[in-house]
N, C-alpha and C. Protein backbone atom coordinates (compact mmCIF):
# COMPACT_ATOMS: atom_id res chain seq x y z
N MET A 1 79.15 63.14 73.88
CA MET A 1 78.57 61.80 74.00
C MET A 1 78.25 61.46 75.45
N LYS A 2 79.19 61.86 76.33
CA LYS A 2 79.00 61.58 77.76
C LYS A 2 77.76 62.30 78.29
N LYS A 3 77.54 63.53 77.82
CA LYS A 3 76.38 64.30 78.26
C LYS A 3 75.09 63.64 77.78
N GLN A 4 75.08 63.14 76.54
CA GLN A 4 73.89 62.49 76.00
C GLN A 4 73.57 61.20 76.77
N LEU A 5 74.63 60.47 77.13
CA LEU A 5 74.44 59.24 77.91
C LEU A 5 73.86 59.56 79.28
N SER A 6 74.35 60.67 79.86
CA SER A 6 73.84 61.09 81.17
C SER A 6 72.36 61.44 81.10
N ILE A 7 71.96 62.12 80.02
CA ILE A 7 70.54 62.48 79.83
C ILE A 7 69.70 61.21 79.65
N PHE A 8 70.24 60.26 78.86
CA PHE A 8 69.52 59.01 78.64
C PHE A 8 69.33 58.25 79.95
N LEU A 9 70.39 58.16 80.77
CA LEU A 9 70.31 57.46 82.05
C LEU A 9 69.33 58.15 83.00
N ALA A 10 69.27 59.49 82.91
CA ALA A 10 68.30 60.22 83.74
C ALA A 10 66.88 59.82 83.35
N GLY A 11 66.65 59.65 82.03
CA GLY A 11 65.33 59.19 81.58
C GLY A 11 65.02 57.78 82.06
N VAL A 12 66.04 56.91 82.04
CA VAL A 12 65.86 55.54 82.53
C VAL A 12 65.50 55.56 84.01
N MET A 13 66.17 56.39 84.79
CA MET A 13 65.93 56.47 86.23
C MET A 13 64.50 56.91 86.53
N VAL A 14 63.92 57.74 85.65
CA VAL A 14 62.55 58.19 85.85
C VAL A 14 61.55 57.13 85.39
N LEU A 15 61.79 56.55 84.21
CA LEU A 15 60.81 55.66 83.60
C LEU A 15 60.85 54.23 84.13
N ALA A 16 62.05 53.73 84.47
CA ALA A 16 62.17 52.33 84.89
C ALA A 16 61.32 52.01 86.12
N PRO A 17 61.40 52.80 87.21
CA PRO A 17 60.55 52.48 88.37
C PRO A 17 59.06 52.54 88.04
N LEU A 18 58.66 53.52 87.19
CA LEU A 18 57.25 53.64 86.82
C LEU A 18 56.83 52.43 85.98
N ALA A 19 57.68 52.00 85.05
CA ALA A 19 57.34 50.88 84.18
C ALA A 19 57.24 49.58 84.98
N VAL A 20 58.20 49.36 85.89
CA VAL A 20 58.18 48.13 86.70
C VAL A 20 56.95 48.12 87.61
N THR A 21 56.64 49.28 88.22
CA THR A 21 55.47 49.37 89.09
C THR A 21 54.19 49.10 88.30
N ALA A 22 54.07 49.71 87.12
CA ALA A 22 52.87 49.50 86.29
C ALA A 22 52.76 48.04 85.87
N TRP A 23 53.89 47.43 85.49
CA TRP A 23 53.87 46.02 85.07
C TRP A 23 53.43 45.12 86.22
N LEU A 24 53.94 45.39 87.44
CA LEU A 24 53.56 44.58 88.60
C LEU A 24 52.08 44.73 88.92
N ILE A 25 51.55 45.96 88.82
CA ILE A 25 50.13 46.19 89.09
C ILE A 25 49.27 45.41 88.08
N VAL A 26 49.65 45.49 86.78
CA VAL A 26 48.89 44.77 85.75
C VAL A 26 49.00 43.26 85.96
N TRP A 27 50.20 42.78 86.28
CA TRP A 27 50.39 41.33 86.48
C TRP A 27 49.60 40.83 87.69
N ILE A 28 49.66 41.57 88.80
CA ILE A 28 48.91 41.17 89.99
C ILE A 28 47.41 41.22 89.71
N GLY A 29 46.96 42.30 89.04
CA GLY A 29 45.54 42.43 88.72
C GLY A 29 45.04 41.31 87.83
N SER A 30 45.80 40.98 86.79
CA SER A 30 45.37 39.90 85.88
C SER A 30 45.42 38.54 86.57
N SER A 31 46.41 38.34 87.47
CA SER A 31 46.49 37.07 88.20
C SER A 31 45.30 36.93 89.15
N LEU A 32 44.96 38.00 89.84
CA LEU A 32 43.79 37.97 90.73
C LEU A 32 42.51 37.75 89.94
N ASP A 33 42.43 38.39 88.78
CA ASP A 33 41.24 38.25 87.95
C ASP A 33 41.08 36.79 87.50
N ALA A 34 42.19 36.17 87.09
CA ALA A 34 42.13 34.77 86.65
C ALA A 34 41.74 33.84 87.80
N LEU A 35 42.29 34.08 88.99
CA LEU A 35 41.94 33.26 90.15
C LEU A 35 40.47 33.45 90.53
N GLY A 36 40.01 34.70 90.48
CA GLY A 36 38.62 34.98 90.83
C GLY A 36 37.63 34.34 89.89
N ARG A 37 38.00 34.22 88.61
CA ARG A 37 37.10 33.61 87.62
C ARG A 37 36.92 32.11 87.87
N HIS A 38 37.86 31.49 88.58
CA HIS A 38 37.72 30.07 88.91
C HIS A 38 36.62 29.84 89.93
N ILE A 39 36.28 30.89 90.68
CA ILE A 39 35.21 30.74 91.68
C ILE A 39 33.87 30.55 90.98
N LEU A 40 33.67 31.29 89.87
CA LEU A 40 32.43 31.17 89.08
C LEU A 40 32.80 30.82 87.64
N PRO A 41 33.20 29.57 87.39
CA PRO A 41 33.73 29.21 86.07
C PRO A 41 32.71 29.27 84.94
N ASN A 42 31.44 29.10 85.23
CA ASN A 42 30.42 29.04 84.17
C ASN A 42 29.68 30.37 83.96
N VAL A 43 30.20 31.43 84.56
CA VAL A 43 29.55 32.74 84.45
C VAL A 43 30.45 33.66 83.62
N ALA A 44 29.84 34.32 82.63
CA ALA A 44 30.60 35.29 81.81
C ALA A 44 30.78 36.57 82.61
N LEU A 45 32.02 36.89 82.91
CA LEU A 45 32.32 38.06 83.74
C LEU A 45 33.07 39.10 82.93
N PRO A 46 32.78 40.38 83.16
CA PRO A 46 33.54 41.43 82.48
C PRO A 46 34.98 41.48 83.00
N PRO A 47 35.90 42.08 82.27
CA PRO A 47 37.29 42.16 82.72
C PRO A 47 37.39 42.83 84.10
N GLY A 48 38.18 42.24 84.96
CA GLY A 48 38.37 42.79 86.30
C GLY A 48 37.40 42.27 87.34
N ALA A 49 36.29 41.67 86.90
CA ALA A 49 35.28 41.19 87.85
C ALA A 49 35.82 40.05 88.71
N GLY A 50 36.69 39.20 88.11
CA GLY A 50 37.26 38.10 88.87
C GLY A 50 38.09 38.59 90.05
N ALA A 51 38.86 39.66 89.82
CA ALA A 51 39.68 40.24 90.90
C ALA A 51 38.78 40.79 92.01
N ILE A 52 37.69 41.45 91.62
CA ILE A 52 36.77 42.01 92.62
C ILE A 52 36.12 40.89 93.43
N ILE A 53 35.73 39.81 92.75
CA ILE A 53 35.13 38.67 93.46
C ILE A 53 36.12 38.07 94.45
N LEU A 54 37.38 37.91 94.03
CA LEU A 54 38.39 37.32 94.90
C LEU A 54 38.66 38.21 96.10
N ILE A 55 38.79 39.52 95.86
CA ILE A 55 39.03 40.46 96.98
C ILE A 55 37.86 40.44 97.95
N ALA A 56 36.63 40.39 97.41
CA ALA A 56 35.44 40.33 98.28
C ALA A 56 35.43 39.04 99.09
N ALA A 57 35.83 37.93 98.47
CA ALA A 57 35.85 36.64 99.19
C ALA A 57 36.87 36.67 100.32
N VAL A 58 38.04 37.24 100.05
CA VAL A 58 39.08 37.34 101.10
C VAL A 58 38.59 38.25 102.22
N TYR A 59 37.91 39.33 101.86
CA TYR A 59 37.37 40.24 102.88
C TYR A 59 36.34 39.53 103.76
N LEU A 60 35.48 38.73 103.14
CA LEU A 60 34.47 37.98 103.91
C LEU A 60 35.12 36.97 104.85
N VAL A 61 36.21 36.34 104.40
CA VAL A 61 36.94 35.43 105.28
C VAL A 61 37.54 36.21 106.45
N GLY A 62 38.05 37.40 106.15
CA GLY A 62 38.58 38.26 107.23
C GLY A 62 37.50 38.63 108.25
N LEU A 63 36.30 38.92 107.76
CA LEU A 63 35.18 39.19 108.67
C LEU A 63 34.84 37.96 109.51
N ALA A 64 34.89 36.79 108.87
CA ALA A 64 34.54 35.56 109.57
C ALA A 64 35.52 35.24 110.69
N THR A 65 36.78 35.71 110.56
CA THR A 65 37.76 35.43 111.62
C THR A 65 37.41 36.13 112.93
N ARG A 66 36.50 37.08 112.88
CA ARG A 66 36.06 37.75 114.11
C ARG A 66 35.06 36.91 114.89
N LEU A 67 34.53 35.87 114.27
CA LEU A 67 33.58 34.99 114.94
C LEU A 67 34.33 33.86 115.63
N TRP A 68 34.01 33.61 116.90
CA TRP A 68 34.76 32.63 117.68
C TRP A 68 34.62 31.22 117.10
N VAL A 69 33.45 30.93 116.50
CA VAL A 69 33.25 29.60 115.91
C VAL A 69 34.22 29.39 114.75
N PHE A 70 34.34 30.39 113.89
CA PHE A 70 35.23 30.30 112.73
C PHE A 70 36.68 30.22 113.17
N ARG A 71 37.03 31.01 114.21
CA ARG A 71 38.40 30.97 114.73
C ARG A 71 38.72 29.59 115.27
N GLY A 72 37.73 28.96 115.92
CA GLY A 72 37.93 27.61 116.44
C GLY A 72 38.21 26.62 115.33
N LEU A 73 37.45 26.75 114.22
CA LEU A 73 37.68 25.87 113.08
C LEU A 73 39.05 26.10 112.45
N LEU A 74 39.45 27.37 112.38
CA LEU A 74 40.77 27.68 111.83
C LEU A 74 41.89 27.11 112.70
N ASN A 75 41.70 27.20 114.02
CA ASN A 75 42.71 26.64 114.94
C ASN A 75 42.83 25.13 114.76
N MET A 76 41.68 24.48 114.59
CA MET A 76 41.71 23.03 114.37
C MET A 76 42.42 22.69 113.06
N LEU A 77 42.13 23.47 112.01
CA LEU A 77 42.77 23.24 110.72
C LEU A 77 44.27 23.49 110.81
N GLU A 78 44.65 24.55 111.55
CA GLU A 78 46.07 24.86 111.69
C GLU A 78 46.81 23.76 112.45
N LYS A 79 46.18 23.22 113.50
CA LYS A 79 46.80 22.12 114.24
C LYS A 79 47.00 20.91 113.35
N PHE A 80 46.01 20.65 112.49
CA PHE A 80 46.12 19.51 111.58
C PHE A 80 47.27 19.71 110.59
N VAL A 81 47.34 20.92 110.01
CA VAL A 81 48.37 21.21 109.01
C VAL A 81 49.76 21.18 109.63
N THR A 82 49.90 21.72 110.86
CA THR A 82 51.21 21.80 111.49
C THR A 82 51.70 20.46 112.04
N HIS A 83 50.90 19.41 111.89
CA HIS A 83 51.35 18.08 112.28
C HIS A 83 51.74 17.23 111.07
N MET A 84 51.77 17.86 109.89
CA MET A 84 52.12 17.14 108.67
C MET A 84 53.54 17.53 108.25
N PRO A 85 54.47 16.58 108.26
CA PRO A 85 55.86 16.88 107.89
C PRO A 85 55.95 17.51 106.50
N GLY A 86 56.83 18.48 106.36
CA GLY A 86 57.00 19.15 105.07
C GLY A 86 55.99 20.25 104.87
N ILE A 87 54.71 19.90 104.94
CA ILE A 87 53.65 20.90 104.79
C ILE A 87 53.71 21.90 105.94
N LYS A 88 54.04 21.41 107.14
CA LYS A 88 54.16 22.28 108.31
C LYS A 88 55.18 23.38 108.06
N THR A 89 56.35 23.01 107.54
CA THR A 89 57.41 23.99 107.29
C THR A 89 56.97 25.03 106.27
N LEU A 90 56.35 24.57 105.19
CA LEU A 90 55.87 25.48 104.15
C LEU A 90 54.81 26.42 104.70
N TYR A 91 53.82 25.87 105.42
CA TYR A 91 52.73 26.68 105.97
C TYR A 91 53.25 27.74 106.94
N GLU A 92 54.11 27.31 107.88
CA GLU A 92 54.61 28.25 108.89
C GLU A 92 55.49 29.33 108.27
N SER A 93 56.25 28.97 107.23
CA SER A 93 57.11 29.96 106.57
C SER A 93 56.27 31.02 105.87
N VAL A 94 55.23 30.58 105.14
CA VAL A 94 54.35 31.53 104.44
C VAL A 94 53.60 32.40 105.46
N ARG A 95 53.09 31.77 106.53
CA ARG A 95 52.35 32.51 107.55
C ARG A 95 53.23 33.59 108.20
N ASP A 96 54.46 33.22 108.59
CA ASP A 96 55.35 34.17 109.23
C ASP A 96 55.77 35.29 108.29
N LEU A 97 55.95 34.94 107.01
CA LEU A 97 56.32 35.97 106.03
C LEU A 97 55.19 36.98 105.85
N LEU A 98 53.96 36.49 105.80
CA LEU A 98 52.82 37.39 105.66
C LEU A 98 52.65 38.26 106.91
N GLN A 99 52.92 37.70 108.08
CA GLN A 99 52.85 38.48 109.30
C GLN A 99 53.92 39.57 109.30
N LEU A 100 55.08 39.25 108.73
CA LEU A 100 56.16 40.22 108.69
C LEU A 100 55.81 41.43 107.85
N PHE A 101 55.23 41.18 106.67
CA PHE A 101 54.91 42.29 105.78
C PHE A 101 53.47 42.77 105.91
N GLY A 102 52.72 42.14 106.79
CA GLY A 102 51.33 42.54 106.99
C GLY A 102 51.16 43.38 108.25
N GLY A 103 49.96 43.36 108.78
CA GLY A 103 49.64 44.18 109.93
C GLY A 103 50.28 43.73 111.22
N ASP A 104 50.83 42.48 111.24
CA ASP A 104 51.43 41.97 112.47
C ASP A 104 52.94 42.12 112.48
N ALA A 105 53.46 43.08 111.71
CA ALA A 105 54.91 43.24 111.64
C ALA A 105 55.52 43.56 113.00
N LYS A 106 54.74 44.22 113.89
CA LYS A 106 55.27 44.56 115.21
C LYS A 106 55.59 43.31 116.01
N ARG A 107 54.92 42.21 115.69
CA ARG A 107 55.18 40.98 116.42
C ARG A 107 56.57 40.43 116.11
N MET A 108 57.18 40.90 115.03
CA MET A 108 58.50 40.40 114.67
C MET A 108 59.56 40.83 115.67
N GLY A 109 59.33 41.92 116.39
CA GLY A 109 60.30 42.34 117.40
C GLY A 109 60.63 43.80 117.30
N LYS A 110 61.80 44.15 117.80
CA LYS A 110 62.25 45.54 117.86
C LYS A 110 63.50 45.72 117.01
N VAL A 111 63.62 46.89 116.41
CA VAL A 111 64.79 47.21 115.61
C VAL A 111 65.95 47.53 116.55
N VAL A 112 67.11 46.96 116.25
CA VAL A 112 68.29 47.15 117.11
C VAL A 112 69.53 47.36 116.26
N GLN A 113 70.55 47.90 116.91
CA GLN A 113 71.90 47.94 116.35
C GLN A 113 72.69 46.85 117.05
N TYR A 114 73.30 45.98 116.26
CA TYR A 114 74.07 44.87 116.81
C TYR A 114 75.55 45.11 116.58
N THR A 115 76.33 45.01 117.64
CA THR A 115 77.78 45.17 117.55
C THR A 115 78.45 43.81 117.72
N PRO A 116 79.06 43.27 116.65
CA PRO A 116 79.73 41.97 116.77
C PRO A 116 80.90 42.05 117.74
N PRO A 117 81.23 40.96 118.41
CA PRO A 117 82.37 40.96 119.34
C PRO A 117 83.67 41.33 118.63
N GLY A 118 84.46 42.18 119.29
CA GLY A 118 85.75 42.59 118.75
C GLY A 118 85.66 43.48 117.55
N SER A 119 84.53 44.17 117.36
CA SER A 119 84.36 45.03 116.19
C SER A 119 83.82 46.38 116.61
N ASP A 120 84.18 47.41 115.82
CA ASP A 120 83.65 48.76 116.07
C ASP A 120 82.42 49.05 115.22
N MET A 121 82.13 48.18 114.25
CA MET A 121 80.98 48.44 113.38
C MET A 121 79.69 47.95 114.04
N THR A 122 78.58 48.49 113.57
CA THR A 122 77.26 48.03 114.04
C THR A 122 76.44 47.60 112.84
N LEU A 123 75.57 46.62 113.05
CA LEU A 123 74.69 46.10 112.01
C LEU A 123 73.24 46.37 112.40
N LEU A 124 72.45 46.76 111.42
CA LEU A 124 71.04 47.00 111.67
C LEU A 124 70.29 45.68 111.61
N GLY A 125 69.49 45.41 112.63
CA GLY A 125 68.77 44.15 112.67
C GLY A 125 67.48 44.25 113.47
N ILE A 126 66.84 43.10 113.65
CA ILE A 126 65.58 43.02 114.38
C ILE A 126 65.72 41.97 115.47
N ARG A 127 65.53 42.39 116.72
CA ARG A 127 65.53 41.42 117.82
C ARG A 127 64.20 40.67 117.78
N THR A 128 64.24 39.41 117.41
CA THR A 128 63.02 38.65 117.22
C THR A 128 62.58 37.88 118.45
N SER A 129 63.49 37.63 119.39
CA SER A 129 63.12 36.88 120.59
C SER A 129 64.08 37.18 121.73
N ASP A 130 63.50 37.40 122.93
CA ASP A 130 64.32 37.59 124.13
C ASP A 130 64.65 36.25 124.78
N GLN A 131 63.90 35.22 124.45
CA GLN A 131 64.12 33.87 124.99
C GLN A 131 64.08 32.87 123.83
N PRO A 132 65.07 32.89 122.93
CA PRO A 132 65.00 32.01 121.77
C PRO A 132 65.15 30.55 122.14
N PRO A 133 64.29 29.69 121.60
CA PRO A 133 64.47 28.24 121.84
C PRO A 133 65.74 27.77 121.15
N TYR A 134 66.40 26.84 121.73
CA TYR A 134 67.64 26.27 121.21
C TYR A 134 68.76 27.31 121.11
N GLY A 135 68.57 28.46 121.74
CA GLY A 135 69.57 29.52 121.60
C GLY A 135 70.66 29.49 122.64
N ALA A 136 70.43 28.81 123.74
CA ALA A 136 71.41 28.83 124.82
C ALA A 136 72.29 27.59 124.75
N VAL A 137 73.49 27.77 124.20
CA VAL A 137 74.46 26.67 124.21
C VAL A 137 74.89 26.42 125.65
N ASP A 138 75.09 27.52 126.37
CA ASP A 138 75.43 27.44 127.79
C ASP A 138 74.22 27.93 128.57
N PRO A 139 73.58 27.08 129.38
CA PRO A 139 72.37 27.49 130.12
C PRO A 139 72.59 28.69 131.02
N GLN A 140 73.84 28.93 131.41
CA GLN A 140 74.14 30.06 132.29
C GLN A 140 74.31 31.37 131.51
N ARG A 141 74.33 31.27 130.19
CA ARG A 141 74.59 32.46 129.36
C ARG A 141 73.32 32.85 128.62
N HIS A 142 72.71 33.95 129.02
CA HIS A 142 71.46 34.42 128.41
C HIS A 142 71.76 35.03 127.04
N THR A 143 71.02 34.62 126.04
CA THR A 143 71.17 35.18 124.70
C THR A 143 69.83 35.62 124.15
N VAL A 144 69.88 36.52 123.16
CA VAL A 144 68.68 36.95 122.43
C VAL A 144 68.91 36.65 120.96
N ALA A 145 67.82 36.54 120.21
CA ALA A 145 67.91 36.26 118.77
C ALA A 145 67.76 37.57 118.00
N VAL A 146 68.68 37.80 117.07
CA VAL A 146 68.66 39.01 116.24
C VAL A 146 68.74 38.60 114.78
N TYR A 147 67.77 39.07 114.00
CA TYR A 147 67.74 38.80 112.55
C TYR A 147 68.43 39.96 111.83
N LEU A 148 69.39 39.62 110.98
CA LEU A 148 70.16 40.62 110.24
C LEU A 148 69.84 40.49 108.75
N PRO A 149 69.00 41.39 108.19
CA PRO A 149 68.61 41.27 106.78
C PRO A 149 69.77 41.57 105.84
N PHE A 150 69.76 40.92 104.67
CA PHE A 150 70.73 41.21 103.63
C PHE A 150 70.24 42.38 102.78
N SER A 151 71.17 43.02 102.07
CA SER A 151 70.82 44.09 101.15
C SER A 151 70.73 43.56 99.73
N TYR A 152 69.78 44.09 98.97
CA TYR A 152 69.58 43.76 97.56
C TYR A 152 69.36 42.27 97.31
N MET A 153 68.80 41.59 98.29
CA MET A 153 68.40 40.21 98.10
C MET A 153 67.46 39.84 99.23
N PHE A 154 66.72 38.75 99.03
CA PHE A 154 65.76 38.33 100.04
C PHE A 154 66.44 37.36 100.98
N GLY A 155 66.39 37.63 102.26
CA GLY A 155 66.97 36.73 103.24
C GLY A 155 67.83 37.46 104.24
N GLY A 156 68.53 36.71 105.03
CA GLY A 156 69.39 37.27 106.07
C GLY A 156 69.87 36.16 106.97
N ILE A 157 70.51 36.51 108.07
CA ILE A 157 70.96 35.52 109.03
C ILE A 157 70.41 35.87 110.41
N THR A 158 70.29 34.86 111.24
CA THR A 158 69.86 35.06 112.62
C THR A 158 71.02 34.69 113.53
N VAL A 159 71.38 35.61 114.42
CA VAL A 159 72.48 35.35 115.36
C VAL A 159 71.94 35.34 116.78
N TYR A 160 72.58 34.54 117.62
CA TYR A 160 72.30 34.56 119.05
C TYR A 160 73.41 35.37 119.70
N CYS A 161 73.04 36.39 120.45
CA CYS A 161 74.05 37.24 121.07
C CYS A 161 73.60 37.64 122.47
N GLN A 162 74.55 38.14 123.24
CA GLN A 162 74.22 38.62 124.58
C GLN A 162 73.52 39.98 124.48
N PRO A 163 72.60 40.26 125.39
CA PRO A 163 71.83 41.51 125.31
C PRO A 163 72.68 42.78 125.28
N ASP A 164 73.88 42.74 125.90
CA ASP A 164 74.70 43.96 125.91
C ASP A 164 75.34 44.23 124.54
N ARG A 165 75.15 43.32 123.58
CA ARG A 165 75.68 43.52 122.24
C ARG A 165 74.72 44.29 121.34
N ILE A 166 73.50 44.54 121.83
CA ILE A 166 72.51 45.24 121.01
C ILE A 166 72.04 46.51 121.70
N LYS A 167 71.59 47.44 120.88
CA LYS A 167 71.02 48.69 121.38
C LYS A 167 69.74 48.96 120.61
N GLU A 168 68.62 49.04 121.31
CA GLU A 168 67.34 49.27 120.67
C GLU A 168 67.27 50.69 120.12
N ILE A 169 66.73 50.83 118.89
CA ILE A 169 66.56 52.15 118.30
C ILE A 169 65.10 52.35 117.90
N ASP A 170 64.69 53.60 117.86
CA ASP A 170 63.30 53.94 117.58
C ASP A 170 63.07 53.98 116.07
N MET A 171 62.66 52.84 115.53
CA MET A 171 62.40 52.73 114.09
C MET A 171 61.40 51.60 113.86
N PRO A 172 60.40 51.81 113.01
CA PRO A 172 59.46 50.72 112.71
C PRO A 172 60.18 49.57 112.00
N VAL A 173 59.71 48.35 112.22
CA VAL A 173 60.29 47.17 111.60
C VAL A 173 60.24 47.29 110.08
N GLU A 174 59.11 47.79 109.54
CA GLU A 174 58.96 47.92 108.09
C GLU A 174 60.02 48.84 107.51
N GLN A 175 60.31 49.94 108.22
CA GLN A 175 61.33 50.89 107.76
C GLN A 175 62.71 50.26 107.79
N CYS A 176 62.99 49.49 108.82
CA CYS A 176 64.27 48.79 108.92
C CYS A 176 64.47 47.85 107.74
N LEU A 177 63.45 47.04 107.43
CA LEU A 177 63.55 46.10 106.33
C LEU A 177 63.74 46.82 104.99
N LYS A 178 63.05 47.94 104.83
CA LYS A 178 63.16 48.70 103.58
C LYS A 178 64.57 49.27 103.43
N LEU A 179 65.10 49.84 104.51
CA LEU A 179 66.44 50.43 104.45
C LEU A 179 67.51 49.36 104.23
N CYS A 180 67.35 48.23 104.89
CA CYS A 180 68.33 47.15 104.70
C CYS A 180 68.27 46.60 103.27
N ALA A 181 67.06 46.46 102.75
CA ALA A 181 66.90 45.89 101.39
C ALA A 181 67.55 46.78 100.34
N THR A 182 67.52 48.11 100.55
CA THR A 182 68.07 49.03 99.56
C THR A 182 69.44 49.56 99.96
N ALA A 183 70.01 49.04 101.07
CA ALA A 183 71.33 49.47 101.55
C ALA A 183 71.39 50.98 101.77
N PHE A 184 70.26 51.57 102.16
CA PHE A 184 70.15 53.00 102.45
C PHE A 184 70.34 53.88 101.22
N VAL A 185 70.36 53.28 100.01
CA VAL A 185 70.54 54.08 98.80
C VAL A 185 69.32 54.98 98.62
N GLY A 186 69.54 56.27 98.51
CA GLY A 186 68.45 57.22 98.33
C GLY A 186 67.65 57.51 99.58
N ALA A 187 68.07 56.94 100.72
CA ALA A 187 67.31 57.17 101.96
C ALA A 187 67.65 58.53 102.53
N LYS A 188 66.63 59.19 103.07
CA LYS A 188 66.84 60.47 103.72
C LYS A 188 67.42 60.23 105.11
N GLU A 189 67.96 61.29 105.70
CA GLU A 189 68.55 61.16 107.01
C GLU A 189 67.49 60.71 107.99
N GLN A 190 67.81 59.70 108.79
CA GLN A 190 66.85 59.11 109.71
C GLN A 190 66.84 59.85 111.03
N ALA A 191 65.69 59.68 111.73
CA ALA A 191 65.56 60.33 113.04
C ALA A 191 66.48 59.67 114.06
N ALA A 192 66.74 58.36 113.88
CA ALA A 192 67.59 57.65 114.84
C ALA A 192 69.04 58.03 114.62
N LYS A 193 69.65 58.70 115.58
CA LYS A 193 71.04 59.12 115.49
C LYS A 193 71.76 58.64 116.74
N PRO A 194 73.11 58.54 116.66
CA PRO A 194 73.85 58.14 117.85
C PRO A 194 73.66 59.15 118.97
N ASP A 195 73.72 58.66 120.21
CA ASP A 195 73.57 59.57 121.35
C ASP A 195 74.70 60.58 121.35
N SER A 196 74.34 61.85 121.69
CA SER A 196 75.37 62.87 121.78
C SER A 196 76.18 62.72 123.06
N PRO A 197 77.48 63.07 122.99
CA PRO A 197 78.32 62.90 124.17
C PRO A 197 77.90 63.83 125.28
């Protein structure tokens, strides 16, 4: 019985990731298709055409951001939005999240190992700022901001620490977030290793 259960679980391990991935692709595709159909509500479109229209519209907006006139309008709109209580927090949170997982992930900072005071363990994190606002309780004590992601959940904590508490390691931010999110389960040996004596 134990052997049969092991075989069944092996099948689950193969099929579950494929099924979840396929479901997400179908769900995202159908959601994009529905949103795209709202652009042309009175036109009969074949299945999938709404998603193509929406992707093309987003691409055209991306092209428009290369024009200084359009960038100026966007800056004005952003200033307006960021002066509205509540909406400002929502807008900036979504914007920063997209920058984190998008092409501007490098702007998030550098991957570091953080050693808490009085501890021999190290935590994997991202140094997000060398001059964090509101970070210096004591003006004479320089601190940096380090984001420490949680495993198997979305979120983390940000700590202010002295620079000698962190050590920069050669790893992309995206890889750090992926490894932290999965707690290194199934991860291959990384290139970043402790310095040899």
